[in-house]
């Protein structure tokens, strides 16, 4: 009985990571309901078999399939970095805003994304450090732009976003009620 449950957790974990590469450990735990110790064990075991790789990025343990069905091999390192960022709410919102709206001033991003300046600054430094965004000085101040819009476009087309959960929808709704 315990072996069946362990096998189903390992299978669920592998399927989830293949579907949503770059997802971090805590998000997997939250979405699949696997206890953290059990999750660590299966990541280790699947990693030894070459089915999953784990990469630390920005304080997160991010998981990738050993072989991506999309790539027909390992996901290239630059795409791994980008996927890990796209799996986090605010970095994803920043990147999508810059992708859809083009170069934008940080002050505009604060209002558009409904975040604080210090929070935005923290994530902008991480995105800039990862080489995903570029800051430029212009006559009117500073703007931000994507370093590689085509690369973002490619990754967005290849890999689906994490589905929104009822809790995510409730938090968004609650946040809109109490700005």
Protein backbone atom coordinates (compact mmCIF):
# COMPACT_ATOMS: atom_id res chain seq x y z
CA UNK A 1 0.00 0.00 0.00
CA UNK A 2 2.78 2.45 0.93
CA UNK A 3 4.70 1.46 -2.22
CA UNK A 4 1.65 2.27 -4.37
CA UNK A 5 1.36 5.70 -2.76
CA UNK A 6 5.09 6.40 -3.19
CA UNK A 7 4.92 5.33 -6.84
CA UNK A 8 1.91 7.56 -7.46
CA UNK A 9 3.67 10.53 -5.80
CA UNK A 10 6.78 9.95 -7.92
CA UNK A 11 4.63 9.67 -11.05
CA UNK A 12 2.63 12.80 -10.17
CA UNK A 13 5.87 14.70 -9.46
CA UNK A 14 7.49 13.67 -12.73
CA UNK A 15 4.37 14.47 -14.75
CA UNK A 16 4.01 17.88 -13.08
CA UNK A 17 7.67 18.84 -13.66
CA UNK A 18 7.49 17.72 -17.28
CA UNK A 19 4.36 19.83 -17.80
CA UNK A 20 5.60 22.89 -15.84
CA UNK A 21 9.41 23.00 -15.97
CA UNK A 22 11.03 25.59 -13.72
CA UNK A 23 8.46 25.17 -10.98
CA UNK A 24 9.91 25.49 -7.50
CA UNK A 25 9.79 22.97 -4.69
CA UNK A 26 7.26 24.77 -2.46
CA UNK A 27 4.89 25.29 -5.38
CA UNK A 28 5.06 21.57 -6.21
CA UNK A 29 4.30 20.75 -2.58
CA UNK A 30 1.39 23.17 -2.54
CA UNK A 31 -0.08 21.97 -5.83
CA UNK A 32 0.39 18.22 -5.37
CA UNK A 33 0.05 17.96 -1.59
CA UNK A 34 3.20 15.86 -1.24
CA UNK A 35 4.88 16.22 2.19
CA UNK A 36 8.15 18.15 1.84
CA UNK A 37 10.35 15.29 3.08
CA UNK A 38 8.70 12.86 0.67
CA UNK A 39 9.07 15.40 -2.12
CA UNK A 40 12.79 15.81 -1.40
CA UNK A 41 13.20 12.03 -1.41
CA UNK A 42 11.48 11.62 -4.78
CA UNK A 43 13.40 14.54 -6.30
CA UNK A 44 16.63 12.89 -5.18
CA UNK A 45 15.58 9.48 -6.52
CA UNK A 46 14.27 10.82 -9.84
CA UNK A 47 17.40 12.98 -10.11
CA UNK A 48 19.67 9.93 -9.71
CA UNK A 49 17.73 8.30 -12.56
CA UNK A 50 18.25 11.41 -14.72
CA UNK A 51 14.51 12.06 -14.97
CA UNK A 52 14.55 15.38 -13.08
CA UNK A 53 17.22 17.99 -12.48
CA UNK A 54 17.17 20.57 -9.71
CA UNK A 55 18.74 23.99 -9.95
CA UNK A 56 18.94 26.63 -7.23
CA UNK A 57 17.92 30.03 -8.54
CA UNK A 58 17.06 33.18 -6.65
CA UNK A 59 16.64 31.32 -3.37
CA UNK A 60 14.37 28.70 -4.92
CA UNK A 61 14.94 25.04 -5.67
CA UNK A 62 13.62 24.82 -9.25
CA UNK A 63 12.86 21.54 -10.99
CA UNK A 64 13.24 20.58 -14.64
CA UNK A 65 12.66 17.37 -16.56
CA UNK A 66 15.84 15.51 -17.48
CA UNK A 67 14.53 15.43 -21.04
CA UNK A 68 11.96 17.92 -22.26
CA UNK A 69 9.44 16.68 -24.78
CA UNK A 70 9.47 20.17 -26.31
CA UNK A 71 13.26 20.31 -26.66
CA UNK A 72 13.74 16.57 -27.20
CA UNK A 73 16.61 16.88 -24.75
CA UNK A 74 17.55 18.95 -21.72
CA UNK A 75 16.15 22.47 -21.49
CA UNK A 76 18.98 24.94 -22.29
CA UNK A 77 20.32 26.83 -19.24
CA UNK A 78 19.11 30.30 -20.40
CA UNK A 79 15.58 28.92 -20.80
CA UNK A 80 15.80 27.31 -17.36
CA UNK A 81 16.58 30.70 -15.84
CA UNK A 82 13.70 32.31 -17.68
CA UNK A 83 11.25 29.53 -16.78
CA UNK A 84 12.11 29.78 -13.08
CA UNK A 85 11.38 33.51 -13.20
CA UNK A 86 8.13 33.02 -15.13
CA UNK A 87 6.91 30.60 -12.45
CA UNK A 88 6.89 33.43 -9.86
CA UNK A 89 3.99 35.89 -9.83
CA UNK A 90 5.71 39.31 -9.78
CA UNK A 91 8.65 38.50 -12.07
CA UNK A 92 6.13 36.98 -14.50
CA UNK A 93 3.95 40.11 -14.31
CA UNK A 94 6.98 42.35 -14.92
CA UNK A 95 8.17 40.30 -17.90
CA UNK A 96 4.70 40.06 -19.42
CA UNK A 97 4.14 43.81 -19.01
CA UNK A 98 7.45 44.61 -20.72
CA UNK A 99 6.72 42.05 -23.42
CA UNK A 100 3.24 43.39 -24.16
CA UNK A 101 3.76 47.11 -23.50
CA UNK A 102 7.41 47.55 -24.43
CA UNK A 103 10.01 49.61 -22.57
CA UNK A 104 8.50 51.07 -19.40
CA UNK A 105 9.58 53.35 -16.56
CA UNK A 106 9.78 51.69 -13.13
CA UNK A 107 7.27 54.18 -11.72
CA UNK A 108 4.73 53.05 -14.34
CA UNK A 109 5.36 49.40 -13.47
CA UNK A 110 4.62 50.05 -9.78
CA UNK A 111 1.16 51.33 -10.64
CA UNK A 112 0.46 48.85 -13.42
CA UNK A 113 1.39 45.84 -11.31
CA UNK A 114 -0.07 47.07 -8.02
CA UNK A 115 3.10 46.51 -6.02
CA UNK A 116 5.38 48.68 -3.92
CA UNK A 117 8.53 50.39 -5.17
CA UNK A 118 10.83 48.40 -2.81
CA UNK A 119 9.23 45.09 -3.86
CA UNK A 120 9.54 46.01 -7.54
CA UNK A 121 13.14 47.12 -7.02
CA UNK A 122 14.03 43.78 -5.43
CA UNK A 123 12.68 41.79 -8.38
CA UNK A 124 14.09 44.18 -10.98
CA UNK A 125 17.57 43.62 -9.53
CA UNK A 126 17.05 39.85 -9.77
CA UNK A 127 15.77 40.10 -13.36
CA UNK A 128 18.63 42.39 -14.34
CA UNK A 129 21.16 40.09 -12.64
CA UNK A 130 19.77 37.17 -14.63
CA UNK A 131 20.25 39.16 -17.84
CA UNK A 132 16.54 39.15 -18.65
CA UNK A 133 15.93 42.90 -18.46
CA UNK A 134 18.06 45.94 -19.21
CA UNK A 135 17.87 49.37 -17.58
CA UNK A 136 18.48 52.33 -19.85
CA UNK A 137 18.83 56.02 -19.16
CA UNK A 138 16.69 58.22 -21.42
CA UNK A 139 15.92 61.94 -21.44
CA UNK A 140 12.96 61.54 -19.12
CA UNK A 141 14.69 59.21 -16.66
CA UNK A 142 15.12 55.46 -16.61
CA UNK A 143 13.27 52.77 -18.56
CA UNK A 144 13.31 49.01 -18.47
CA UNK A 145 13.20 46.72 -21.48
CA UNK A 146 13.53 43.04 -22.19
CA UNK A 147 17.03 41.93 -23.15
CA UNK A 148 15.64 39.29 -25.53
CA UNK A 149 11.93 39.71 -26.39
CA UNK A 150 12.12 36.87 -28.95
CA UNK A 151 13.50 34.53 -26.28
CA UNK A 152 10.63 35.42 -23.92
CA UNK A 153 8.17 34.88 -26.77
CA UNK A 154 9.65 31.48 -27.55
CA UNK A 155 9.53 30.28 -23.93
CA UNK A 156 5.97 31.56 -23.46
CA UNK A 157 4.87 29.57 -26.52
CA UNK A 158 6.72 26.38 -25.58
CA UNK A 159 5.72 26.00 -21.94
CA UNK A 160 2.26 26.54 -20.43
CA UNK A 161 1.78 28.74 -17.37
CA UNK A 162 0.78 27.15 -14.09
CA UNK A 163 -3.01 26.98 -13.93
CA UNK A 164 -4.65 29.42 -11.58
CA UNK A 165 -6.12 27.76 -8.50
CA UNK A 166 -9.32 28.81 -6.70
CA UNK A 167 -7.11 30.22 -3.92
CA UNK A 168 -5.22 32.35 -6.48
CA UNK A 169 -8.51 33.69 -7.85
CA UNK A 170 -9.81 34.44 -4.35
CA UNK A 171 -6.64 36.32 -3.40
CA UNK A 172 -6.83 38.37 -6.58
CA UNK A 173 -10.51 39.12 -5.92
CA UNK A 174 -9.82 40.01 -2.25
CA UNK A 175 -6.92 42.25 -3.26
CA UNK A 176 -9.18 44.12 -5.68
CA UNK A 177 -11.75 44.67 -2.93
CA UNK A 178 -9.17 46.03 -0.48
CA UNK A 179 -6.60 48.05 -2.44
